[in-house]
Amino acid sequence: MTTPHLAPLTPDMAKRLSGTPLLLLLDIDGTLSPIALRPGDAVVPPETQALLRALGAARGVIVAAVSGRAADDARRMLDVDSAWIVGNHGMEVAPPGKRAAVRDDVAAFVDRIAAACRRATDALRGYDGVIVEDKRWTLSVHYRRAARASVPDIERIAGEITAELGLKLTRGKEVLEIRPPLDVHKGSASVELAQSLGALTDGASVLAAGDDRTDEDMFRVLRARAPEAVTVRVGGADETAAEFRVPDPARFRELLEALLVLRG
């Protein structure tokens, strides 16, 4: 079934986003920030940051970043003091103004993740354009800038390291994620946060947005748990579990602007 494009804001969307609290669960890269060739080059535009600060100050609105980045890195990019941060695909959570806390079951794998990072760095050193990003609780192998002919070898090496260390390999947009072998993802973390903040009760609202395969977990779990939640896929032409789609971060910012008008 074709996912309809969302024109900010239809009357139905306005109604579904008028509850209190309204929780915004927002991916960063590709959703708030355009995708960059290098992870360190990505920037959330200042006008988007200002908009999120205004939304975070609006009555009854809670802003939360749900990112594959480490929590500290996600907070640096977002630069919104009032925001909750869910980092490393749900492995760690930071309340506004506080340090991130990692799950105990995730922390048990810290040595294996460190070993995987060392091995991946050494094994992939000869592949131009590959970046191994150490996020402590997980690691990412970015190959956006690598030669297309090298991708099968990169995937094989990452898969072998993952299997030998008893870890879990997932895929995103030209990135391989090596994680602890746990059933923890953006979907499980989003529902846990929403429940703790009262956003799954009658009269509450949720908006979730993302652009990647890892965000599909968030869409699926939220739509099952809270059918009235508004789920938005940003960009891409592949199938999505989100109810709506916008073409790029600029159009998603327009949706947020309309939401700020709605919430005053």
C-alpha atoms as a PDB file:
ATOM      1  CA  MET A   1       0.000   0.000   0.000  1.00  0.00           C
ATOM      2  CA  THR A   2       1.296   3.459  -0.912  1.00  0.00           C
ATOM      3  CA  THR A   3       2.183   5.636   2.069  1.00  0.00           C
ATOM      4  CA  PRO A   4       0.471   9.044   1.654  1.00  0.00           C
ATOM      5  CA  HIS A   5       2.489  12.247   1.769  1.00  0.00           C
ATOM      6  CA  LEU A   6       1.665  14.426   4.753  1.00  0.00           C
ATOM      7  CA  ALA A   7       0.608  18.015   4.037  1.00  0.00           C
ATOM      8  CA  PRO A   8       1.123  19.977   7.258  1.00  0.00           C
ATOM      9  CA  LEU A   9      -1.263  19.707   8.959  1.00  0.00           C
ATOM     10  CA  THR A  10      -4.471  17.956   7.930  1.00  0.00           C
ATOM     11  CA  PRO A  11      -7.422  18.341  10.307  1.00  0.00           C
ATOM     12  CA  ASP A  12      -7.091  14.697  11.319  1.00  0.00           C
ATOM     13  CA  MET A  13      -3.390  15.111  12.097  1.00  0.00           C
ATOM     14  CA  ALA A  14      -4.064  18.289  14.055  1.00  0.00           C
ATOM     15  CA  LYS A  15      -6.630  16.459  16.153  1.00  0.00           C
ATOM     16  CA  ARG A  16      -4.293  13.517  16.787  1.00  0.00           C
ATOM     17  CA  LEU A  17      -1.452  15.864  17.799  1.00  0.00           C
ATOM     18  CA  SER A  18      -3.499  18.020  20.166  1.00  0.00           C
ATOM     19  CA  GLY A  19      -3.202  15.785  23.231  1.00  0.00           C
ATOM     20  CA  THR A  20      -1.228  16.400  26.400  1.00  0.00           C
ATOM     21  CA  PRO A  21       1.484  15.457  26.765  1.00  0.00           C
ATOM     22  CA  LEU A  22       2.570  15.510  23.152  1.00  0.00           C
ATOM     23  CA  LEU A  23       5.784  13.500  22.808  1.00  0.00           C
ATOM     24  CA  LEU A  24       7.978  14.094  19.749  1.00  0.00           C
ATOM     25  CA  LEU A  25      10.250  11.100  19.032  1.00  0.00           C
ATOM     26  CA  LEU A  26      12.683  12.355  16.403  1.00  0.00           C
ATOM     27  CA  ASP A  27      15.576  10.695  14.644  1.00  0.00           C
ATOM     28  CA  ILE A  28      18.409  13.125  13.850  1.00  0.00           C
ATOM     29  CA  ASP A  29      20.459  12.133  10.774  1.00  0.00           C
ATOM     30  CA  GLY A  30      18.327  12.262   7.643  1.00  0.00           C
ATOM     31  CA  THR A  31      15.323  13.557   9.612  1.00  0.00           C
ATOM     32  CA  LEU A  32      16.382  16.766  11.351  1.00  0.00           C
ATOM     33  CA  SER A  33      19.784  16.934   9.678  1.00  0.00           C
ATOM     34  CA  PRO A  34      20.595  16.240   6.019  1.00  0.00           C
ATOM     35  CA  ILE A  35      22.763  13.152   5.549  1.00  0.00           C
ATOM     36  CA  ALA A  36      26.492  13.987   5.349  1.00  0.00           C
ATOM     37  CA  LEU A  37      29.301  11.974   3.745  1.00  0.00           C
ATOM     38  CA  ARG A  38      31.069  11.829   7.123  1.00  0.00           C
ATOM     39  CA  PRO A  39      29.072  11.460  10.384  1.00  0.00           C
ATOM     40  CA  GLY A  40      31.074  14.262  11.972  1.00  0.00           C
ATOM     41  CA  ASP A  41      30.062  16.685   9.224  1.00  0.00           C
ATOM     42  CA  ALA A  42      26.307  16.386   9.801  1.00  0.00           C
ATOM     43  CA  VAL A  43      24.598  19.485  11.224  1.00  0.00           C
ATOM     44  CA  VAL A  44      21.070  20.186  12.426  1.00  0.00           C
ATOM     45  CA  PRO A  45      20.255  23.556  10.800  1.00  0.00           C
ATOM     46  CA  PRO A  46      20.030  26.458  13.281  1.00  0.00           C
ATOM     47  CA  GLU A  47      16.440  27.182  12.257  1.00  0.00           C
ATOM     48  CA  THR A  48      15.483  23.581  13.091  1.00  0.00           C
ATOM     49  CA  GLN A  49      17.226  23.832  16.463  1.00  0.00           C
ATOM     50  CA  ALA A  50      15.377  27.069  17.231  1.00  0.00           C
ATOM     51  CA  LEU A  51      12.093  25.464  16.227  1.00  0.00           C
ATOM     52  CA  LEU A  52      12.693  22.470  18.514  1.00  0.00           C
ATOM     53  CA  ARG A  53      13.593  24.774  21.414  1.00  0.00           C
ATOM     54  CA  ALA A  54      10.299  26.594  20.890  1.00  0.00           C
ATOM     55  CA  LEU A  55       8.386  23.322  20.745  1.00  0.00           C
ATOM     56  CA  GLY A  56      10.146  22.095  23.882  1.00  0.00           C
ATOM     57  CA  ALA A  57       9.042  25.279  25.661  1.00  0.00           C
ATOM     58  CA  ALA A  58       5.441  24.952  24.505  1.00  0.00           C
ATOM     59  CA  ARG A  59       2.961  23.816  27.107  1.00  0.00           C
ATOM     60  CA  GLY A  60       2.563  20.048  27.260  1.00  0.00           C
ATOM     61  CA  VAL A  61       5.180  19.263  24.566  1.00  0.00           C
ATOM     62  CA  ILE A  62       8.165  16.954  25.185  1.00  0.00           C
ATOM     63  CA  VAL A  63      10.992  16.734  22.640  1.00  0.00           C
ATOM     64  CA  ALA A  64      13.066  13.535  22.465  1.00  0.00           C
ATOM     65  CA  ALA A  65      15.851  12.620  20.049  1.00  0.00           C
ATOM     66  CA  VAL A  66      15.919   8.902  19.203  1.00  0.00           C
ATOM     67  CA  SER A  67      19.248   8.359  17.487  1.00  0.00           C
ATOM     68  CA  GLY A  68      21.780   5.764  16.487  1.00  0.00           C
ATOM     69  CA  ARG A  69      24.467   8.171  17.637  1.00  0.00           C
ATOM     70  CA  ALA A  70      25.918   7.986  21.118  1.00  0.00           C
ATOM     71  CA  ALA A  71      23.797  10.045  23.518  1.00  0.00           C
ATOM     72  CA  ASP A  72      26.456  12.722  24.084  1.00  0.00           C
ATOM     73  CA  ASP A  73      26.945  13.138  20.344  1.00  0.00           C
ATOM     74  CA  ALA A  74      23.180  13.323  19.729  1.00  0.00           C
ATOM     75  CA  ARG A  75      22.832  15.986  22.432  1.00  0.00           C
ATOM     76  CA  ARG A  76      25.672  17.999  20.868  1.00  0.00           C
ATOM     77  CA  MET A  77      23.968  17.908  17.469  1.00  0.00           C
ATOM     78  CA  LEU A  78      20.488  18.711  18.724  1.00  0.00           C
ATOM     79  CA  ASP A  79      21.538  21.452  21.173  1.00  0.00           C
ATOM     80  CA  VAL A  80      18.099  21.639  22.819  1.00  0.00           C
ATOM     81  CA  ASP A  81      18.443  21.781  26.614  1.00  0.00           C
ATOM     82  CA  SER A  82      14.921  20.565  27.319  1.00  0.00           C
ATOM     83  CA  ALA A  83      15.212  17.448  25.139  1.00  0.00           C
ATOM     84  CA  TRP A  84      15.397  13.831  26.225  1.00  0.00           C
ATOM     85  CA  ILE A  85      18.066  11.849  24.392  1.00  0.00           C
ATOM     86  CA  VAL A  86      17.783   8.177  23.448  1.00  0.00           C
ATOM     87  CA  GLY A  87      21.197   7.157  22.096  1.00  0.00           C
ATOM     88  CA  ASN A  88      22.756   4.091  20.496  1.00  0.00           C
ATOM     89  CA  HIS A  89      19.395   2.849  19.150  1.00  0.00           C
ATOM     90  CA  GLY A  90      17.895   2.680  22.638  1.00  0.00           C
ATOM     91  CA  MET A  91      20.895   1.344  24.551  1.00  0.00           C
ATOM     92  CA  GLU A  92      21.206   4.554  26.640  1.00  0.00           C
ATOM     93  CA  VAL A  93      18.829   7.306  27.766  1.00  0.00           C
ATOM     94  CA  ALA A  94      19.585  10.804  29.059  1.00  0.00           C
ATOM     95  CA  PRO A  95      16.925  13.015  30.718  1.00  0.00           C
ATOM     96  CA  PRO A  96      17.200  16.759  30.025  1.00  0.00           C
ATOM     97  CA  GLY A  97      20.389  18.166  31.510  1.00  0.00           C
ATOM     98  CA  LYS A  98      21.582  14.825  32.898  1.00  0.00           C
ATOM     99  CA  ARG A  99      24.144  12.224  31.904  1.00  0.00           C
ATOM    100  CA  ALA A 100      23.067   9.221  29.898  1.00  0.00           C
ATOM    101  CA  ALA A 101      22.400   5.962  31.726  1.00  0.00           C
ATOM    102  CA  VAL A 102      23.128   2.714  29.919  1.00  0.00           C
ATOM    103  CA  ARG A 103      21.081  -0.435  30.456  1.00  0.00           C
ATOM    104  CA  ASP A 104      22.756  -3.038  32.661  1.00  0.00           C
ATOM    105  CA  ASP A 105      22.343  -5.781  30.075  1.00  0.00           C
ATOM    106  CA  VAL A 106      24.027  -3.561  27.475  1.00  0.00           C
ATOM    107  CA  ALA A 107      26.908  -2.613  29.779  1.00  0.00           C
ATOM    108  CA  ALA A 108      27.772  -6.297  30.170  1.00  0.00           C
ATOM    109  CA  PHE A 109      28.957  -6.320  26.535  1.00  0.00           C
ATOM    110  CA  VAL A 110      31.278  -3.311  26.723  1.00  0.00           C
ATOM    111  CA  ASP A 111      34.468  -5.398  26.411  1.00  0.00           C
ATOM    112  CA  ARG A 112      33.176  -7.309  23.397  1.00  0.00           C
ATOM    113  CA  ILE A 113      32.133  -4.102  21.662  1.00  0.00           C
ATOM    114  CA  ALA A 114      35.588  -2.624  22.335  1.00  0.00           C
ATOM    115  CA  ALA A 115      37.210  -5.744  20.873  1.00  0.00           C
ATOM    116  CA  ALA A 116      34.966  -5.556  17.813  1.00  0.00           C
ATOM    117  CA  CYS A 117      35.922  -1.913  17.328  1.00  0.00           C
ATOM    118  CA  ARG A 118      39.660  -2.701  17.459  1.00  0.00           C
ATOM    119  CA  ARG A 119      39.304  -5.608  15.058  1.00  0.00           C
ATOM    120  CA  ALA A 120      37.121  -3.691  12.612  1.00  0.00           C
ATOM    121  CA  THR A 121      39.503  -0.734  12.637  1.00  0.00           C
ATOM    122  CA  ASP A 122      42.465  -2.992  11.866  1.00  0.00           C
ATOM    123  CA  ALA A 123      40.703  -5.171   9.280  1.00  0.00           C
ATOM    124  CA  LEU A 124      39.168  -2.261   7.364  1.00  0.00           C
ATOM    125  CA  ARG A 125      42.141   0.072   7.468  1.00  0.00           C
ATOM    126  CA  GLY A 126      42.978  -0.643   3.833  1.00  0.00           C
ATOM    127  CA  TYR A 127      39.535   0.249   2.481  1.00  0.00           C
ATOM    128  CA  ASP A 128      39.358   3.884   1.422  1.00  0.00           C
ATOM    129  CA  GLY A 129      36.276   5.759   2.521  1.00  0.00           C
ATOM    130  CA  VAL A 130      35.370   3.420   5.412  1.00  0.00           C
ATOM    131  CA  ILE A 131      34.832   4.999   8.838  1.00  0.00           C
ATOM    132  CA  VAL A 132      34.647   2.873  11.993  1.00  0.00           C
ATOM    133  CA  GLU A 133      32.740   4.887  14.600  1.00  0.00           C
ATOM    134  CA  ASP A 134      33.241   3.814  18.212  1.00  0.00           C
ATOM    135  CA  LYS A 135      30.080   4.616  20.193  1.00  0.00           C
ATOM    136  CA  ARG A 136      31.187   2.574  23.231  1.00  0.00           C
ATOM    137  CA  TRP A 137      27.975   0.539  23.558  1.00  0.00           C
ATOM    138  CA  THR A 138      27.738  -0.104  19.812  1.00  0.00           C
ATOM    139  CA  LEU A 139      29.898   0.633  16.803  1.00  0.00           C
ATOM    140  CA  SER A 140      29.132   1.716  13.243  1.00  0.00           C
ATOM    141  CA  VAL A 141      30.973   0.868  10.039  1.00  0.00           C
ATOM    142  CA  HIS A 142      30.162   3.640   7.552  1.00  0.00           C
ATOM    143  CA  TYR A 143      30.862   2.861   3.898  1.00  0.00           C
ATOM    144  CA  ARG A 144      29.053   5.696   2.107  1.00  0.00           C
ATOM    145  CA  ARG A 145      32.358   6.946   0.641  1.00  0.00           C
ATOM    146  CA  ALA A 146      33.826   3.504  -0.129  1.00  0.00           C
ATOM    147  CA  ALA A 147      34.134   2.036  -3.619  1.00  0.00           C
ATOM    148  CA  ARG A 148      31.027   0.014  -4.503  1.00  0.00           C
ATOM    149  CA  ALA A 149      33.209  -2.969  -5.403  1.00  0.00           C
ATOM    150  CA  SER A 150      34.515  -3.032  -1.828  1.00  0.00           C
ATOM    151  CA  VAL A 151      31.105  -3.236  -0.149  1.00  0.00           C
ATOM    152  CA  PRO A 152      30.783  -7.073  -0.210  1.00  0.00           C
ATOM    153  CA  ASP A 153      34.203  -7.405   1.472  1.00  0.00           C
ATOM    154  CA  ILE A 154      33.285  -4.773   4.070  1.00  0.00           C
ATOM    155  CA  GLU A 155      30.040  -6.578   4.855  1.00  0.00           C
ATOM    156  CA  ARG A 156      31.803  -9.944   5.060  1.00  0.00           C
ATOM    157  CA  ILE A 157      34.489  -8.638   7.449  1.00  0.00           C
ATOM    158  CA  ALA A 158      31.932  -6.957   9.699  1.00  0.00           C
ATOM    159  CA  GLY A 159      29.805 -10.112   9.688  1.00  0.00           C
ATOM    160  CA  GLU A 160      32.741 -12.339  10.632  1.00  0.00           C
ATOM    161  CA  ILE A 161      33.784 -10.077  13.513  1.00  0.00           C
ATOM    162  CA  THR A 162      30.200  -9.917  14.752  1.00  0.00           C
ATOM    163  CA  ALA A 163      29.732 -13.696  14.662  1.00  0.00           C
ATOM    164  CA  GLU A 164      33.082 -14.495  16.276  1.00  0.00           C
ATOM    165  CA  LEU A 165      32.368 -12.175  19.206  1.00  0.00           C
ATOM    166  CA  GLY A 166      28.744 -13.245  19.663  1.00  0.00           C
ATOM    167  CA  LEU A 167      27.333  -9.845  18.792  1.00  0.00           C
ATOM    168  CA  LYS A 168      24.529  -8.671  16.471  1.00  0.00           C
ATOM    169  CA  LEU A 169      24.832  -7.034  13.037  1.00  0.00           C
ATOM    170  CA  THR A 170      22.163  -4.703  11.644  1.00  0.00           C
ATOM    171  CA  ARG A 171      22.086  -2.553   8.512  1.00  0.00           C
ATOM    172  CA  GLY A 172      21.135   1.037   7.853  1.00  0.00           C
ATOM    173  CA  LYS A 173      21.733   3.538   5.051  1.00  0.00           C
ATOM    174  CA  GLU A 174      25.245   2.590   3.927  1.00  0.00           C
ATOM    175  CA  VAL A 175      26.189   1.718   7.488  1.00  0.00           C
ATOM    176  CA  LEU A 176      26.621  -1.544   9.386  1.00  0.00           C
ATOM    177  CA  GLU A 177      25.834  -1.525  13.108  1.00  0.00           C
ATOM    178  CA  ILE A 178      27.478  -3.966  15.517  1.00  0.00           C
ATOM    179  CA  ARG A 179      25.525  -4.202  18.773  1.00  0.00           C
ATOM    180  CA  PRO A 180      24.989  -6.438  21.805  1.00  0.00           C
ATOM    181  CA  PRO A 181      22.755  -9.418  20.930  1.00  0.00           C
ATOM    182  CA  LEU A 182      19.745  -8.023  22.771  1.00  0.00           C
ATOM    183  CA  ASP A 183      16.186  -7.217  21.763  1.00  0.00           C
ATOM    184  CA  VAL A 184      16.767  -3.490  22.279  1.00  0.00           C
ATOM    185  CA  HIS A 185      16.038  -1.055  19.471  1.00  0.00           C
ATOM    186  CA  LYS A 186      14.415   2.290  18.744  1.00  0.00           C
ATOM    187  CA  GLY A 187      10.965   0.736  18.995  1.00  0.00           C
ATOM    188  CA  SER A 188      11.389  -0.795  22.435  1.00  0.00           C
ATOM    189  CA  ALA A 189      13.148   2.317  23.767  1.00  0.00           C
ATOM    190  CA  SER A 190      10.521   4.683  22.336  1.00  0.00           C
ATOM    191  CA  VAL A 191       7.650   2.817  23.947  1.00  0.00           C
ATOM    192  CA  GLU A 192       9.470   2.635  27.295  1.00  0.00           C
ATOM    193  CA  LEU A 193      10.136   6.380  27.237  1.00  0.00           C
ATOM    194  CA  ALA A 194       6.610   7.222  26.087  1.00  0.00           C
ATOM    195  CA  GLN A 195       5.123   5.082  28.847  1.00  0.00           C
ATOM    196  CA  SER A 196       7.350   6.646  31.516  1.00  0.00           C
ATOM    197  CA  LEU A 197       6.320  10.154  30.402  1.00  0.00           C
ATOM    198  CA  GLY A 198       2.587   9.426  30.287  1.00  0.00           C
ATOM    199  CA  ALA A 199       2.419   9.734  26.507  1.00  0.00           C
ATOM    200  CA  LEU A 200       0.551   6.443  26.021  1.00  0.00           C
ATOM    201  CA  THR A 201      -2.392   7.370  28.233  1.00  0.00           C
ATOM    202  CA  ASP A 202      -5.805   8.511  27.019  1.00  0.00           C
ATOM    203  CA  GLY A 203      -5.648  12.121  25.885  1.00  0.00           C
ATOM    204  CA  ALA A 204      -1.907  12.052  25.076  1.00  0.00           C
ATOM    205  CA  SER A 205      -0.287  12.324  21.637  1.00  0.00           C
ATOM    206  CA  VAL A 206       2.855  10.989  19.966  1.00  0.00           C
ATOM    207  CA  LEU A 207       4.674  12.013  16.790  1.00  0.00           C
ATOM    208  CA  ALA A 208       7.533   9.769  15.623  1.00  0.00           C
ATOM    209  CA  ALA A 209       9.747  10.524  12.623  1.00  0.00           C
ATOM    210  CA  GLY A 210      12.774   8.875  11.038  1.00  0.00           C
ATOM    211  CA  ASP A 211      14.418   8.083   7.726  1.00  0.00           C
ATOM    212  CA  ASP A 212      16.207   4.737   8.071  1.00  0.00           C
ATOM    213  CA  ARG A 213      15.654   1.003   8.542  1.00  0.00           C
ATOM    214  CA  THR A 214      16.341   1.343  12.257  1.00  0.00           C
ATOM    215  CA  ASP A 215      13.426   3.788  12.534  1.00  0.00           C
ATOM    216  CA  GLU A 216      11.073   1.166  11.155  1.00  0.00           C
ATOM    217  CA  ASP A 217      11.240  -0.588  14.546  1.00  0.00           C
ATOM    218  CA  MET A 218       9.936   2.621  16.112  1.00  0.00           C
ATOM    219  CA  PHE A 219       7.096   2.916  13.603  1.00  0.00           C
ATOM    220  CA  ARG A 220       6.002  -0.709  13.952  1.00  0.00           C
ATOM    221  CA  VAL A 221       6.032  -0.847  17.731  1.00  0.00           C
ATOM    222  CA  LEU A 222       4.346   2.525  18.195  1.00  0.00           C
ATOM    223  CA  ARG A 223       1.564   1.814  15.719  1.00  0.00           C
ATOM    224  CA  ALA A 224       0.856  -1.470  17.487  1.00  0.00           C
ATOM    225  CA  ARG A 225       0.947   0.073  20.961  1.00  0.00           C
ATOM    226  CA  ALA A 226      -0.625   3.471  20.180  1.00  0.00           C
ATOM    227  CA  PRO A 227      -2.670   3.364  16.946  1.00  0.00           C
ATOM    228  CA  GLU A 228      -3.372   7.113  17.118  1.00  0.00           C
ATOM    229  CA  ALA A 229       0.341   7.972  17.080  1.00  0.00           C
ATOM    230  CA  VAL A 230       1.460   9.890  13.995  1.00  0.00           C
ATOM    231  CA  THR A 231       4.403   8.152  12.300  1.00  0.00           C
ATOM    232  CA  VAL A 232       6.338   9.866   9.498  1.00  0.00           C
ATOM    233  CA  ARG A 233       9.028   8.453   7.205  1.00  0.00           C
ATOM    234  CA  VAL A 234      11.382  11.157   5.930  1.00  0.00           C
ATOM    235  CA  GLY A 235      12.614  10.493   2.395  1.00  0.00           C
ATOM    236  CA  GLY A 236      13.233   7.176   0.691  1.00  0.00           C
ATOM    237  CA  ALA A 237      11.146   5.206  -1.775  1.00  0.00           C
ATOM    238  CA  ASP A 238      11.201   1.809  -0.072  1.00  0.00           C
ATOM    239  CA  GLU A 239       8.311   0.381   1.894  1.00  0.00           C
ATOM    240  CA  THR A 240       7.723   1.743   5.373  1.00  0.00           C
ATOM    241  CA  ALA A 241       5.667   0.941   8.442  1.00  0.00           C
ATOM    242  CA  ALA A 242       5.092   4.677   8.923  1.00  0.00           C
ATOM    243  CA  GLU A 243       1.640   6.007   8.166  1.00  0.00           C
ATOM    244  CA  PHE A 244       2.878   9.108   6.340  1.00  0.00           C
ATOM    245  CA  ARG A 245       5.890  10.282   4.374  1.00  0.00           C
ATOM    246  CA  VAL A 246       7.641  13.597   3.647  1.00  0.00           C
ATOM    247  CA  PRO A 247      10.415  13.879   1.051  1.00  0.00           C
ATOM    248  CA  ASP A 248      13.274  15.409   3.038  1.00  0.00           C
ATOM    249  CA  PRO A 249      14.332  17.163   6.289  1.00  0.00           C
ATOM    250  CA  ALA A 250      13.311  20.575   4.929  1.00  0.00           C
ATOM    251  CA  ARG A 251       9.732  19.436   4.394  1.00  0.00           C
ATOM    252  CA  PHE A 252       9.702  17.767   7.787  1.00  0.00           C
ATOM    253  CA  ARG A 253      10.724  21.093   9.326  1.00  0.00           C
ATOM    254  CA  GLU A 254       7.638  22.612   7.681  1.00  0.00           C
ATOM    255  CA  LEU A 255       5.550  20.024   9.483  1.00  0.00           C
ATOM    256  CA  LEU A 256       7.188  20.988  12.786  1.00  0.00           C
ATOM    257  CA  GLU A 257       6.528  24.663  12.049  1.00  0.00           C
ATOM    258  CA  ALA A 258       2.847  23.906  11.560  1.00  0.00           C
ATOM    259  CA  LEU A 259       2.874  21.887  14.751  1.00  0.00           C
ATOM    260  CA  LEU A 260       4.334  24.837  16.682  1.00  0.00           C
ATOM    261  CA  VAL A 261       1.486  27.032  15.415  1.00  0.00           C
ATOM    262  CA  LEU A 262      -0.998  24.379  16.528  1.00  0.00           C
ATOM    263  CA  ARG A 263       0.529  24.105  20.005  1.00  0.00           C
ATOM    264  CA  GLY A 264       1.135  27.799  20.446  1.00  0.00           C
END
